[in-house]
C-alpha atoms as a PDB file:
ATOM      1  CA  UNK A   1     -19.286  -7.721   7.229  1.00  0.00           C
ATOM      2  CA  UNK A   2     -17.368 -10.672   5.792  1.00  0.00           C
ATOM      3  CA  UNK A   3     -13.796 -11.364   6.756  1.00  0.00           C
ATOM      4  CA  UNK A   4     -11.220 -10.507   4.099  1.00  0.00           C
ATOM      5  CA  UNK A   5      -8.995 -13.439   3.196  1.00  0.00           C
ATOM      6  CA  UNK A   6      -5.785 -12.826   1.242  1.00  0.00           C
ATOM      7  CA  UNK A   7      -4.089 -15.523  -0.810  1.00  0.00           C
ATOM      8  CA  UNK A   8      -1.912 -15.948  -3.876  1.00  0.00           C
ATOM      9  CA  UNK A   9      -3.705 -15.493  -7.184  1.00  0.00           C
ATOM     10  CA  UNK A  10      -4.603 -18.696  -9.016  1.00  0.00           C
ATOM     11  CA  UNK A  11      -5.186 -18.959 -12.751  1.00  0.00           C
ATOM     12  CA  UNK A  12      -8.881 -19.599 -12.026  1.00  0.00           C
ATOM     13  CA  UNK A  13      -9.115 -16.089 -10.500  1.00  0.00           C
ATOM     14  CA  UNK A  14      -8.256 -14.403 -13.794  1.00  0.00           C
ATOM     15  CA  UNK A  15     -11.824 -14.021 -15.138  1.00  0.00           C
ATOM     16  CA  UNK A  16     -12.835 -12.146 -11.964  1.00  0.00           C
ATOM     17  CA  UNK A  17      -9.616 -10.110 -12.010  1.00  0.00           C
ATOM     18  CA  UNK A  18     -10.205  -9.267 -15.676  1.00  0.00           C
ATOM     19  CA  UNK A  19     -13.733  -8.048 -14.845  1.00  0.00           C
ATOM     20  CA  UNK A  20     -12.455  -5.884 -11.973  1.00  0.00           C
ATOM     21  CA  UNK A  21      -9.782  -4.316 -14.156  1.00  0.00           C
ATOM     22  CA  UNK A  22     -12.201  -3.901 -17.072  1.00  0.00           C
ATOM     23  CA  UNK A  23     -14.443  -1.800 -14.816  1.00  0.00           C
ATOM     24  CA  UNK A  24     -11.447   0.252 -13.578  1.00  0.00           C
ATOM     25  CA  UNK A  25     -10.329   0.987 -17.143  1.00  0.00           C
ATOM     26  CA  UNK A  26     -13.808   1.860 -18.435  1.00  0.00           C
ATOM     27  CA  UNK A  27     -14.997   3.985 -15.512  1.00  0.00           C
ATOM     28  CA  UNK A  28     -12.027   5.240 -13.509  1.00  0.00           C
ATOM     29  CA  UNK A  29      -8.744   7.063 -13.599  1.00  0.00           C
ATOM     30  CA  UNK A  30      -6.701   4.768 -11.361  1.00  0.00           C
ATOM     31  CA  UNK A  31      -5.228   3.369 -14.561  1.00  0.00           C
ATOM     32  CA  UNK A  32      -4.386   5.361 -17.649  1.00  0.00           C
ATOM     33  CA  UNK A  33      -5.131   2.394 -19.900  1.00  0.00           C
ATOM     34  CA  UNK A  34      -7.880   3.338 -22.347  1.00  0.00           C
ATOM     35  CA  UNK A  35      -8.997  -0.067 -23.625  1.00  0.00           C
ATOM     36  CA  UNK A  36      -9.627  -2.932 -21.204  1.00  0.00           C
ATOM     37  CA  UNK A  37      -7.375  -5.932 -21.879  1.00  0.00           C
ATOM     38  CA  UNK A  38      -9.082  -9.237 -22.568  1.00  0.00           C
ATOM     39  CA  UNK A  39      -8.633 -12.435 -20.592  1.00  0.00           C
ATOM     40  CA  UNK A  40      -5.779 -13.636 -22.818  1.00  0.00           C
ATOM     41  CA  UNK A  41      -3.799 -10.444 -22.148  1.00  0.00           C
ATOM     42  CA  UNK A  42      -4.516 -10.626 -18.423  1.00  0.00           C
ATOM     43  CA  UNK A  43      -3.245 -14.215 -18.467  1.00  0.00           C
ATOM     44  CA  UNK A  44      -0.060 -13.050 -20.235  1.00  0.00           C
ATOM     45  CA  UNK A  45       0.446 -10.393 -17.542  1.00  0.00           C
ATOM     46  CA  UNK A  46      -0.229 -12.945 -14.805  1.00  0.00           C
ATOM     47  CA  UNK A  47       2.374 -15.308 -16.287  1.00  0.00           C
ATOM     48  CA  UNK A  48       4.965 -12.529 -16.571  1.00  0.00           C
ATOM     49  CA  UNK A  49       4.480 -11.561 -12.918  1.00  0.00           C
ATOM     50  CA  UNK A  50       4.436 -15.084 -11.515  1.00  0.00           C
ATOM     51  CA  UNK A  51       7.402 -16.210 -13.610  1.00  0.00           C
ATOM     52  CA  UNK A  52       9.313 -13.311 -12.064  1.00  0.00           C
ATOM     53  CA  UNK A  53       8.099 -14.471  -8.610  1.00  0.00           C
ATOM     54  CA  UNK A  54       6.429 -11.115  -8.040  1.00  0.00           C
ATOM     55  CA  UNK A  55       3.892 -11.043  -5.212  1.00  0.00           C
ATOM     56  CA  UNK A  56       0.428 -11.328  -6.805  1.00  0.00           C
ATOM     57  CA  UNK A  57      -2.482 -11.546  -4.378  1.00  0.00           C
ATOM     58  CA  UNK A  58      -6.234 -11.830  -4.413  1.00  0.00           C
ATOM     59  CA  UNK A  59      -8.647 -10.712  -1.693  1.00  0.00           C
ATOM     60  CA  UNK A  60     -11.680 -12.846  -1.018  1.00  0.00           C
ATOM     61  CA  UNK A  61     -14.891 -11.837   0.724  1.00  0.00           C
ATOM     62  CA  UNK A  62     -16.421 -15.221   1.322  1.00  0.00           C
ATOM     63  CA  UNK A  63     -16.080 -17.008  -2.009  1.00  0.00           C
ATOM     64  CA  UNK A  64     -16.074 -13.821  -4.108  1.00  0.00           C
ATOM     65  CA  UNK A  65     -12.964 -12.141  -5.526  1.00  0.00           C
ATOM     66  CA  UNK A  66     -13.150  -8.657  -3.998  1.00  0.00           C
ATOM     67  CA  UNK A  67      -9.871  -7.285  -5.340  1.00  0.00           C
ATOM     68  CA  UNK A  68      -6.315  -8.033  -6.291  1.00  0.00           C
ATOM     69  CA  UNK A  69      -2.850  -6.548  -5.930  1.00  0.00           C
ATOM     70  CA  UNK A  70       0.638  -7.171  -7.181  1.00  0.00           C
ATOM     71  CA  UNK A  71       4.129  -5.752  -6.847  1.00  0.00           C
ATOM     72  CA  UNK A  72       5.904  -5.624 -10.176  1.00  0.00           C
ATOM     73  CA  UNK A  73       9.237  -4.265 -11.276  1.00  0.00           C
ATOM     74  CA  UNK A  74       9.375  -0.501 -10.945  1.00  0.00           C
ATOM     75  CA  UNK A  75      11.653  -0.143 -13.971  1.00  0.00           C
ATOM     76  CA  UNK A  76      13.421  -2.743 -16.143  1.00  0.00           C
ATOM     77  CA  UNK A  77      17.021  -1.563 -15.646  1.00  0.00           C
ATOM     78  CA  UNK A  78      19.068  -3.681 -13.197  1.00  0.00           C
ATOM     79  CA  UNK A  79      19.786  -0.825 -10.777  1.00  0.00           C
ATOM     80  CA  UNK A  80      16.061  -0.800  -9.903  1.00  0.00           C
ATOM     81  CA  UNK A  81      16.024  -4.499  -8.919  1.00  0.00           C
ATOM     82  CA  UNK A  82      15.305  -3.768  -5.233  1.00  0.00           C
ATOM     83  CA  UNK A  83      12.352  -1.473  -5.973  1.00  0.00           C
ATOM     84  CA  UNK A  84       8.805  -2.550  -6.806  1.00  0.00           C
ATOM     85  CA  UNK A  85       5.657  -0.710  -7.839  1.00  0.00           C
ATOM     86  CA  UNK A  86       2.380  -1.737  -6.284  1.00  0.00           C
ATOM     87  CA  UNK A  87      -0.960  -2.013  -8.076  1.00  0.00           C
ATOM     88  CA  UNK A  88      -4.277  -2.533  -6.291  1.00  0.00           C
ATOM     89  CA  UNK A  89      -7.729  -2.853  -7.836  1.00  0.00           C
ATOM     90  CA  UNK A  90     -11.000  -3.505  -6.040  1.00  0.00           C
ATOM     91  CA  UNK A  91     -14.418  -4.613  -7.202  1.00  0.00           C
ATOM     92  CA  UNK A  92     -16.768  -1.616  -6.975  1.00  0.00           C
ATOM     93  CA  UNK A  93     -18.876  -3.170  -4.196  1.00  0.00           C
ATOM     94  CA  UNK A  94     -15.757  -4.053  -2.163  1.00  0.00           C
ATOM     95  CA  UNK A  95     -14.495  -0.522  -1.625  1.00  0.00           C
ATOM     96  CA  UNK A  96     -14.399   0.932   1.895  1.00  0.00           C
ATOM     97  CA  UNK A  97     -14.589  -2.532   3.439  1.00  0.00           C
ATOM     98  CA  UNK A  98     -10.932  -3.003   4.434  1.00  0.00           C
ATOM     99  CA  UNK A  99     -10.051  -4.956   1.293  1.00  0.00           C
ATOM    100  CA  UNK A 100      -7.461  -2.472  -0.007  1.00  0.00           C
ATOM    101  CA  UNK A 101      -5.849  -2.190   3.421  1.00  0.00           C
ATOM    102  CA  UNK A 102      -5.591  -5.972   3.771  1.00  0.00           C
ATOM    103  CA  UNK A 103      -4.150  -6.359   0.270  1.00  0.00           C
ATOM    104  CA  UNK A 104      -1.574  -3.600   0.688  1.00  0.00           C
ATOM    105  CA  UNK A 105      -0.490  -4.812   4.127  1.00  0.00           C
ATOM    106  CA  UNK A 106       0.137  -8.345   2.799  1.00  0.00           C
ATOM    107  CA  UNK A 107       1.779  -7.050  -0.387  1.00  0.00           C
ATOM    108  CA  UNK A 108       4.231  -5.024   1.714  1.00  0.00           C
ATOM    109  CA  UNK A 109       5.001  -8.015   3.948  1.00  0.00           C
ATOM    110  CA  UNK A 110       5.635 -10.351   1.010  1.00  0.00           C
ATOM    111  CA  UNK A 111       7.737  -7.785  -0.834  1.00  0.00           C
ATOM    112  CA  UNK A 112       9.889  -7.269   2.277  1.00  0.00           C
ATOM    113  CA  UNK A 113      10.273 -11.047   2.668  1.00  0.00           C
ATOM    114  CA  UNK A 114      11.590 -11.201  -0.899  1.00  0.00           C
ATOM    115  CA  UNK A 115      14.254  -8.614  -0.119  1.00  0.00           C
ATOM    116  CA  UNK A 116      12.806  -5.570  -1.846  1.00  0.00           C
ATOM    117  CA  UNK A 117      13.823  -2.265  -0.234  1.00  0.00           C
ATOM    118  CA  UNK A 118      11.461   0.337  -1.726  1.00  0.00           C
ATOM    119  CA  UNK A 119       7.853   0.322  -2.904  1.00  0.00           C
ATOM    120  CA  UNK A 120       6.537   2.982  -5.257  1.00  0.00           C
ATOM    121  CA  UNK A 121       2.878   3.844  -5.770  1.00  0.00           C
ATOM    122  CA  UNK A 122       2.023   5.555  -9.038  1.00  0.00           C
ATOM    123  CA  UNK A 123      -1.512   6.755  -8.450  1.00  0.00           C
ATOM    124  CA  UNK A 124      -3.526   7.859 -11.441  1.00  0.00           C
ATOM    125  CA  UNK A 125      -5.317  11.150 -10.868  1.00  0.00           C
ATOM    126  CA  UNK A 126      -4.625  13.422  -7.923  1.00  0.00           C
ATOM    127  CA  UNK A 127      -8.383  13.305  -7.232  1.00  0.00           C
ATOM    128  CA  UNK A 128      -8.031   9.609  -6.305  1.00  0.00           C
ATOM    129  CA  UNK A 129      -8.132  10.497  -2.617  1.00  0.00           C
ATOM    130  CA  UNK A 130      -9.053   6.976  -1.523  1.00  0.00           C
ATOM    131  CA  UNK A 131      -5.869   5.461  -2.947  1.00  0.00           C
ATOM    132  CA  UNK A 132      -3.733   8.328  -1.675  1.00  0.00           C
ATOM    133  CA  UNK A 133      -5.182   7.921   1.841  1.00  0.00           C
ATOM    134  CA  UNK A 134      -4.746   4.126   1.720  1.00  0.00           C
ATOM    135  CA  UNK A 135      -1.067   4.489   0.874  1.00  0.00           C
ATOM    136  CA  UNK A 136      -0.528   7.223   3.450  1.00  0.00           C
ATOM    137  CA  UNK A 137      -2.010   4.984   6.184  1.00  0.00           C
ATOM    138  CA  UNK A 138       0.407   2.249   5.072  1.00  0.00           C
ATOM    139  CA  UNK A 139       3.434   4.495   5.601  1.00  0.00           C
ATOM    140  CA  UNK A 140       3.895   5.888   2.100  1.00  0.00           C
ATOM    141  CA  UNK A 141       5.028   9.483   1.685  1.00  0.00           C
ATOM    142  CA  UNK A 142       4.189  11.812  -1.152  1.00  0.00           C
ATOM    143  CA  UNK A 143       7.279  12.312  -3.312  1.00  0.00           C
ATOM    144  CA  UNK A 144       5.745  14.277  -6.152  1.00  0.00           C
ATOM    145  CA  UNK A 145       2.997  14.890  -8.639  1.00  0.00           C
ATOM    146  CA  UNK A 146       3.326  14.903 -12.397  1.00  0.00           C
ATOM    147  CA  UNK A 147       0.648  17.349 -13.468  1.00  0.00           C
ATOM    148  CA  UNK A 148      -1.454  16.884 -16.589  1.00  0.00           C
ATOM    149  CA  UNK A 149       0.479  13.883 -17.919  1.00  0.00           C
ATOM    150  CA  UNK A 150      -2.499  11.664 -18.763  1.00  0.00           C
ATOM    151  CA  UNK A 151      -5.521  12.368 -20.934  1.00  0.00           C
ATOM    152  CA  UNK A 152      -8.624  10.255 -20.375  1.00  0.00           C
ATOM    153  CA  UNK A 153     -12.361  10.894 -20.433  1.00  0.00           C
ATOM    154  CA  UNK A 154     -11.787  14.237 -22.142  1.00  0.00           C
ATOM    155  CA  UNK A 155      -9.640  15.741 -19.401  1.00  0.00           C
ATOM    156  CA  UNK A 156      -6.038  16.002 -18.232  1.00  0.00           C
ATOM    157  CA  UNK A 157      -4.989  13.860 -15.272  1.00  0.00           C
ATOM    158  CA  UNK A 158      -2.149  14.042 -12.789  1.00  0.00           C
ATOM    159  CA  UNK A 159      -0.012  11.132 -11.654  1.00  0.00           C
ATOM    160  CA  UNK A 160       0.787  11.065  -7.934  1.00  0.00           C
ATOM    161  CA  UNK A 161       4.011   9.388  -6.788  1.00  0.00           C
ATOM    162  CA  UNK A 162       4.296   7.948  -3.284  1.00  0.00           C
ATOM    163  CA  UNK A 163       7.092   5.860  -1.774  1.00  0.00           C
ATOM    164  CA  UNK A 164       7.672   3.618   1.226  1.00  0.00           C
ATOM    165  CA  UNK A 165      10.825   1.920   2.471  1.00  0.00           C
ATOM    166  CA  UNK A 166      10.646  -1.836   2.910  1.00  0.00           C
ATOM    167  CA  UNK A 167      12.620  -3.767   5.509  1.00  0.00           C
ATOM    168  CA  UNK A 168      15.968  -2.050   6.037  1.00  0.00           C
ATOM    169  CA  UNK A 169      15.276   0.409   3.226  1.00  0.00           C
ATOM    170  CA  UNK A 170      18.526   2.184   2.332  1.00  0.00           C
ATOM    171  CA  UNK A 171      20.080   1.825   5.809  1.00  0.00           C
ATOM    172  CA  UNK A 172      22.471  -0.869   4.569  1.00  0.00           C
ATOM    173  CA  UNK A 173      23.495  -2.612   1.374  1.00  0.00           C
ATOM    174  CA  UNK A 174      21.258  -5.380   0.035  1.00  0.00           C
ATOM    175  CA  UNK A 175      22.414  -8.941  -0.378  1.00  0.00           C
ATOM    176  CA  UNK A 176      22.984  -9.664  -4.046  1.00  0.00           C
END
């Protein structure tokens, strides 16, 4: 098995990232998007995240992009500024190879280093047991399930909410 290498996303990674997300949109319920965004839209999203200095990572297995992850703003209102939401997507042939674990571990570390205090996982579909287990192993706790809030592939889907404290969490006030 190849060693997983994690690094910051580069603009040249976007075609591979777009292909990974395209597959997730077309075949899975991890995202509730119905139409896969094209490369131009994925570049716009990349620019928005990196301009905001959000952690945006890629996992490499050898010289192949195996997955990616980022921590974006949880909500746009200023009171949420210390909370991020994680997103992780893997190439189909990279699942169950430690890629998701490596990405999430590094995403947590970088988010803590930037001073974030909470990370939220919004997991599409309560049947997404792999993502739920990944987050649980990383210290996330289940905080709730919104039942039947998404409709994709001709069926209703739940949205599972999980949360993990980062750094000092809520034990003291953050530095502004």
